[in-house]
Each structure stands twice: as C-alpha cells, then as structure tokens.
PDB file of all heavy atoms in Angstrom:
ATOM      1  N   GLU A   1      -2.793  14.118   7.786  1.00  0.00           N
ATOM      2  CA  GLU A   1      -2.695  15.585   7.484  1.00  0.00           C
ATOM      3  C   GLU A   1      -2.835  15.757   6.040  1.00  0.00           C
ATOM      4  O   GLU A   1      -3.326  16.863   5.625  1.00  0.00           O
ATOM      5  CB  GLU A   1      -1.459  16.090   8.123  1.00  0.00           C
ATOM      6  CG  GLU A   1      -1.488  16.029   9.778  1.00  0.00           C
ATOM      7  CD  GLU A   1      -0.403  16.569  10.332  1.00  0.00           C
ATOM      8  OE1 GLU A   1       0.475  17.402   9.723  1.00  0.00           O
ATOM      9  OE2 GLU A   1      -0.224  16.438  11.637  1.00  0.00           O
ATOM     10  N   LEU A   2      -2.073  14.985   5.215  1.00  0.00           N
ATOM     11  CA  LEU A   2      -2.228  15.099   3.680  1.00  0.00           C
ATOM     12  C   LEU A   2      -3.681  15.012   3.206  1.00  0.00           C
ATOM     13  O   LEU A   2      -4.070  15.758   2.436  1.00  0.00           O
ATOM     14  CB  LEU A   2      -1.356  14.234   3.081  1.00  0.00           C
ATOM     15  CG  LEU A   2       0.161  14.264   3.369  1.00  0.00           C
ATOM     16  CD1 LEU A   2       1.017  13.243   2.586  1.00  0.00           C
ATOM     17  CD2 LEU A   2       0.738  15.666   2.999  1.00  0.00           C
ATOM     18  N   LEU A   3      -4.350  13.891   3.807  1.00  0.00           N
ATOM     19  CA  LEU A   3      -5.738  13.765   3.439  1.00  0.00           C
ATOM     20  C   LEU A   3      -6.526  14.937   3.965  1.00  0.00           C
ATOM     21  O   LEU A   3      -7.468  15.486   3.203  1.00  0.00           O
ATOM     22  CB  LEU A   3      -6.190  12.561   4.157  1.00  0.00           C
ATOM     23  CG  LEU A   3      -5.692  11.173   3.600  1.00  0.00           C
ATOM     24  CD1 LEU A   3      -6.082   9.982   4.543  1.00  0.00           C
ATOM     25  CD2 LEU A   3      -6.233  10.965   2.196  1.00  0.00           C
ATOM     26  N   ALA A   4      -6.342  15.324   5.140  1.00  0.00           N
ATOM     27  CA  ALA A   4      -7.053  16.472   5.647  1.00  0.00           C
ATOM     28  C   ALA A   4      -6.842  17.806   4.835  1.00  0.00           C
ATOM     29  O   ALA A   4      -7.795  18.585   4.684  1.00  0.00           O
ATOM     30  CB  ALA A   4      -6.588  16.852   7.160  1.00  0.00           C
ATOM     31  N   GLY A   5      -5.664  17.924   4.263  1.00  0.00           N
ATOM     32  CA  GLY A   5      -5.489  18.997   3.246  1.00  0.00           C
ATOM     33  C   GLY A   5      -6.496  19.059   2.179  1.00  0.00           C
ATOM     34  O   GLY A   5      -6.891  20.164   1.719  1.00  0.00           O
ATOM     35  N   HIS A   6      -6.928  17.964   1.704  1.00  0.00           N
ATOM     36  CA  HIS A   6      -7.770  17.800   0.590  1.00  0.00           C
ATOM     37  C   HIS A   6      -9.316  18.117   1.099  1.00  0.00           C
ATOM     38  O   HIS A   6     -10.088  18.409   0.204  1.00  0.00           O
ATOM     39  CB  HIS A   6      -7.796  16.399  -0.072  1.00  0.00           C
ATOM     40  CG  HIS A   6      -6.536  16.152  -0.762  1.00  0.00           C
ATOM     41  ND1 HIS A   6      -6.265  16.478  -2.083  1.00  0.00           N
ATOM     42  CD2 HIS A   6      -5.236  15.614  -0.377  1.00  0.00           C
ATOM     43  CE1 HIS A   6      -5.097  16.138  -2.647  1.00  0.00           C
ATOM     44  NE2 HIS A   6      -4.520  15.724  -1.489  1.00  0.00           N
ATOM     45  N   ALA A   7      -9.430  17.935   2.402  1.00  0.00           N
ATOM     46  CA  ALA A   7     -10.856  18.089   2.982  1.00  0.00           C
ATOM     47  C   ALA A   7     -11.010  19.554   3.615  1.00  0.00           C
ATOM     48  O   ALA A   7     -11.934  19.917   4.116  1.00  0.00           O
ATOM     49  CB  ALA A   7     -11.067  17.132   4.107  1.00  0.00           C
ATOM     50  N   GLY A   8      -9.854  20.263   3.471  1.00  0.00           N
ATOM     51  CA  GLY A   8      -9.880  21.636   4.133  1.00  0.00           C
ATOM     52  C   GLY A   8      -9.897  21.599   5.670  1.00  0.00           C
ATOM     53  O   GLY A   8     -10.249  22.588   6.335  1.00  0.00           O
ATOM     54  N   GLN A   9      -9.407  20.496   6.272  1.00  0.00           N
ATOM     55  CA  GLN A   9      -9.402  20.221   7.770  1.00  0.00           C
ATOM     56  C   GLN A   9      -8.057  20.158   8.314  1.00  0.00           C
ATOM     57  O   GLN A   9      -7.857  19.595   9.307  1.00  0.00           O
ATOM     58  CB  GLN A   9     -10.201  19.015   7.974  1.00  0.00           C
ATOM     59  CG  GLN A   9     -11.658  19.025   7.624  1.00  0.00           C
ATOM     60  CD  GLN A   9     -12.483  20.018   8.583  1.00  0.00           C
ATOM     61  OE1 GLN A   9     -12.034  20.458   9.626  1.00  0.00           O
ATOM     62  NE2 GLN A   9     -13.771  20.170   8.203  1.00  0.00           N
ATOM     63  N   GLU A  10      -7.020  20.534   7.572  1.00  0.00           N
ATOM     64  CA  GLU A  10      -5.624  20.354   7.973  1.00  0.00           C
ATOM     65  C   GLU A  10      -5.293  20.948   9.395  1.00  0.00           C
ATOM     66  O   GLU A  10      -4.719  20.252  10.167  1.00  0.00           O
ATOM     67  CB  GLU A  10      -4.629  20.845   6.951  1.00  0.00           C
ATOM     68  CG  GLU A  10      -3.163  20.420   7.239  1.00  0.00           C
ATOM     69  CD  GLU A  10      -2.207  20.796   6.007  1.00  0.00           C
ATOM     70  OE1 GLU A  10      -2.737  21.305   5.140  1.00  0.00           O
ATOM     71  OE2 GLU A  10      -1.044  20.437   6.127  1.00  0.00           O
ATOM     72  N   PRO A  11      -5.804  22.267   9.586  1.00  0.00           N
ATOM     73  CA  PRO A  11      -5.310  22.672  10.926  1.00  0.00           C
ATOM     74  C   PRO A  11      -5.921  21.886  12.113  1.00  0.00           C
ATOM     75  O   PRO A  11      -5.237  21.625  13.148  1.00  0.00           O
ATOM     76  CB  PRO A  11      -5.848  24.153  10.888  1.00  0.00           C
ATOM     77  CG  PRO A  11      -5.971  24.489   9.447  1.00  0.00           C
ATOM     78  CD  PRO A  11      -6.369  23.130   8.805  1.00  0.00           C
ATOM     79  N   ALA A  12      -7.175  21.485  11.972  1.00  0.00           N
ATOM     80  CA  ALA A  12      -7.941  20.769  13.146  1.00  0.00           C
ATOM     81  C   ALA A  12      -7.170  19.455  13.173  1.00  0.00           C
ATOM     82  O   ALA A  12      -6.963  18.960  14.343  1.00  0.00           O
ATOM     83  CB  ALA A  12      -9.477  20.710  12.708  1.00  0.00           C
ATOM     84  N   VAL A  13      -6.961  18.752  12.103  1.00  0.00           N
ATOM     85  CA  VAL A  13      -6.426  17.417  12.271  1.00  0.00           C
ATOM     86  C   VAL A  13      -4.905  17.469  12.747  1.00  0.00           C
ATOM     87  O   VAL A  13      -4.458  16.640  13.611  1.00  0.00           O
ATOM     88  CB  VAL A  13      -6.369  16.688  10.805  1.00  0.00           C
ATOM     89  CG1 VAL A  13      -5.429  15.462  10.796  1.00  0.00           C
ATOM     90  CG2 VAL A  13      -7.912  16.342  10.502  1.00  0.00           C
ATOM     91  N   ALA A  14      -4.127  18.478  12.334  1.00  0.00           N
ATOM     92  CA  ALA A  14      -2.806  18.626  12.676  1.00  0.00           C
ATOM     93  C   ALA A  14      -2.673  18.784  14.279  1.00  0.00           C
ATOM     94  O   ALA A  14      -1.806  18.289  14.954  1.00  0.00           O
ATOM     95  CB  ALA A  14      -2.092  19.762  12.127  1.00  0.00           C
ATOM     96  N   ASP A  15      -3.635  19.652  14.851  1.00  0.00           N
ATOM     97  CA  ASP A  15      -3.714  19.860  16.283  1.00  0.00           C
ATOM     98  C   ASP A  15      -4.015  18.613  16.981  1.00  0.00           C
ATOM     99  O   ASP A  15      -3.302  18.254  18.041  1.00  0.00           O
ATOM    100  CB  ASP A  15      -4.785  20.937  16.537  1.00  0.00           C
ATOM    101  CG  ASP A  15      -4.821  21.254  18.043  1.00  0.00           C
ATOM    102  OD1 ASP A  15      -3.973  21.716  18.655  1.00  0.00           O
ATOM    103  OD2 ASP A  15      -5.927  20.916  18.592  1.00  0.00           O
ATOM    104  N   ILE A  16      -4.913  17.825  16.551  1.00  0.00           N
ATOM    105  CA  ILE A  16      -5.268  16.558  17.199  1.00  0.00           C
ATOM    106  C   ILE A  16      -4.165  15.594  17.132  1.00  0.00           C
ATOM    107  O   ILE A  16      -3.711  14.870  18.147  1.00  0.00           O
ATOM    108  CB  ILE A  16      -6.588  15.912  16.675  1.00  0.00           C
ATOM    109  CG1 ILE A  16      -7.812  16.843  16.858  1.00  0.00           C
ATOM    110  CG2 ILE A  16      -6.912  14.576  17.326  1.00  0.00           C
ATOM    111  CD1 ILE A  16      -9.070  16.413  16.067  1.00  0.00           C
ATOM    112  N   THR A  17      -3.410  15.494  15.945  1.00  0.00           N
ATOM    113  CA  THR A  17      -2.326  14.593  15.779  1.00  0.00           C
ATOM    114  C   THR A  17      -1.199  14.999  16.699  1.00  0.00           C
ATOM    115  O   THR A  17      -0.618  14.090  17.323  1.00  0.00           O
ATOM    116  CB  THR A  17      -1.693  14.727  14.276  1.00  0.00           C
ATOM    117  OG1 THR A  17      -2.861  14.328  13.384  1.00  0.00           O
ATOM    118  CG2 THR A  17      -0.685  13.859  14.170  1.00  0.00           C
ATOM    119  N   ALA A  18      -0.883  16.243  16.911  1.00  0.00           N
ATOM    120  CA  ALA A  18       0.237  16.658  17.690  1.00  0.00           C
ATOM    121  C   ALA A  18      -0.043  16.282  19.173  1.00  0.00           C
ATOM    122  O   ALA A  18       0.880  15.811  19.897  1.00  0.00           O
ATOM    123  CB  ALA A  18       0.477  18.096  17.543  1.00  0.00           C
ATOM    124  N   ARG A  19      -1.198  16.483  19.547  1.00  0.00           N
ATOM    125  CA  ARG A  19      -1.657  16.143  21.016  1.00  0.00           C
ATOM    126  C   ARG A  19      -1.494  14.694  21.259  1.00  0.00           C
ATOM    127  O   ARG A  19      -1.028  14.208  22.332  1.00  0.00           O
ATOM    128  CB  ARG A  19      -3.004  16.727  21.325  1.00  0.00           C
ATOM    129  CG  ARG A  19      -3.045  18.248  21.314  1.00  0.00           C
ATOM    130  CD  ARG A  19      -4.381  18.811  21.371  1.00  0.00           C
ATOM    131  NE  ARG A  19      -5.145  18.328  22.567  1.00  0.00           N
ATOM    132  CZ  ARG A  19      -6.310  18.451  22.944  1.00  0.00           C
ATOM    133  NH1 ARG A  19      -7.214  18.830  21.863  1.00  0.00           N
ATOM    134  NH2 ARG A  19      -6.894  18.144  23.987  1.00  0.00           N
ATOM    135  N   ALA A  20      -1.983  13.896  20.159  1.00  0.00           N
ATOM    136  CA  ALA A  20      -1.983  12.400  20.366  1.00  0.00           C
ATOM    137  C   ALA A  20      -0.494  11.993  20.419  1.00  0.00           C
ATOM    138  O   ALA A  20      -0.183  11.039  21.151  1.00  0.00           O
ATOM    139  CB  ALA A  20      -2.657  11.701  19.286  1.00  0.00           C
ATOM    140  N   MET A  21       0.395  12.450  19.508  1.00  0.00           N
ATOM    141  CA  MET A  21       1.865  12.068  19.497  1.00  0.00           C
ATOM    142  C   MET A  21       2.542  12.457  20.717  1.00  0.00           C
ATOM    143  O   MET A  21       3.553  11.712  21.156  1.00  0.00           O
ATOM    144  CB  MET A  21       2.399  12.576  18.334  1.00  0.00           C
ATOM    145  CG  MET A  21       2.056  12.046  16.926  1.00  0.00           C
ATOM    146  SD  MET A  21       2.060  10.227  16.775  1.00  0.00           S
ATOM    147  CE  MET A  21       0.499   9.720  17.275  1.00  0.00           C
ATOM    148  N   ARG A  22       2.121  13.415  21.520  1.00  0.00           N
ATOM    149  CA  ARG A  22       2.756  13.808  22.771  1.00  0.00           C
ATOM    150  C   ARG A  22       2.043  13.034  23.876  1.00  0.00           C
ATOM    151  O   ARG A  22       2.642  13.152  25.036  1.00  0.00           O
ATOM    152  CB  ARG A  22       2.485  15.332  23.069  1.00  0.00           C
ATOM    153  CG  ARG A  22       3.192  16.286  22.100  1.00  0.00           C
ATOM    154  CD  ARG A  22       3.210  17.707  22.603  1.00  0.00           C
ATOM    155  NE  ARG A  22       1.956  18.230  22.742  1.00  0.00           N
ATOM    156  CZ  ARG A  22       1.347  18.977  21.791  1.00  0.00           C
ATOM    157  NH1 ARG A  22       1.949  19.243  20.665  1.00  0.00           N
ATOM    158  NH2 ARG A  22       0.135  19.463  22.020  1.00  0.00           N
ATOM    159  N   GLY A  23       1.164  12.158  23.612  1.00  0.00           N
ATOM    160  CA  GLY A  23       0.574  11.386  24.743  1.00  0.00           C
ATOM    161  C   GLY A  23      -0.567  12.132  25.455  1.00  0.00           C
ATOM    162  O   GLY A  23      -0.890  11.617  26.566  1.00  0.00           O
ATOM    163  N   GLU A  24      -1.110  13.249  25.022  1.00  0.00           N
ATOM    164  CA  GLU A  24      -1.965  13.986  25.723  1.00  0.00           C
ATOM    165  C   GLU A  24      -3.408  13.356  25.435  1.00  0.00           C
ATOM    166  O   GLU A  24      -4.333  13.692  26.131  1.00  0.00           O
ATOM    167  CB  GLU A  24      -1.928  15.486  25.258  1.00  0.00           C
ATOM    168  CG  GLU A  24      -0.630  16.118  25.617  1.00  0.00           C
ATOM    169  CD  GLU A  24      -0.351  17.458  25.037  1.00  0.00           C
ATOM    170  OE1 GLU A  24      -1.425  18.020  24.527  1.00  0.00           O
ATOM    171  OE2 GLU A  24       0.657  18.071  25.254  1.00  0.00           O
ATOM    172  N   LEU A  25      -3.501  12.663  24.380  1.00  0.00           N
ATOM    173  CA  LEU A  25      -4.832  12.244  23.966  1.00  0.00           C
ATOM    174  C   LEU A  25      -4.755  10.669  23.727  1.00  0.00           C
ATOM    175  O   LEU A  25      -3.762  10.131  23.276  1.00  0.00           O
ATOM    176  CB  LEU A  25      -5.385  12.751  22.671  1.00  0.00           C
ATOM    177  CG  LEU A  25      -5.717  14.380  22.841  1.00  0.00           C
ATOM    178  CD1 LEU A  25      -6.140  14.811  21.394  1.00  0.00           C
ATOM    179  CD2 LEU A  25      -6.797  14.629  23.688  1.00  0.00           C
TER     180      LEU A  25
END
C-alpha cells in the first residue's frame, strides 16, 4: 500500500489487500 501510494493506486490496492487478508480472495 505504501508502494501503491507512490503510483496513485492506493485505494485500489488497499481494497484488494483487505479482501485477501479476510480470506475472500
């Protein structure tokens, strides 16, 4: 997510990360 912040992609990456950590992906 820190890397995504430099790419302007933080919201998209954070959403995918949260779903993966919950076991949804």
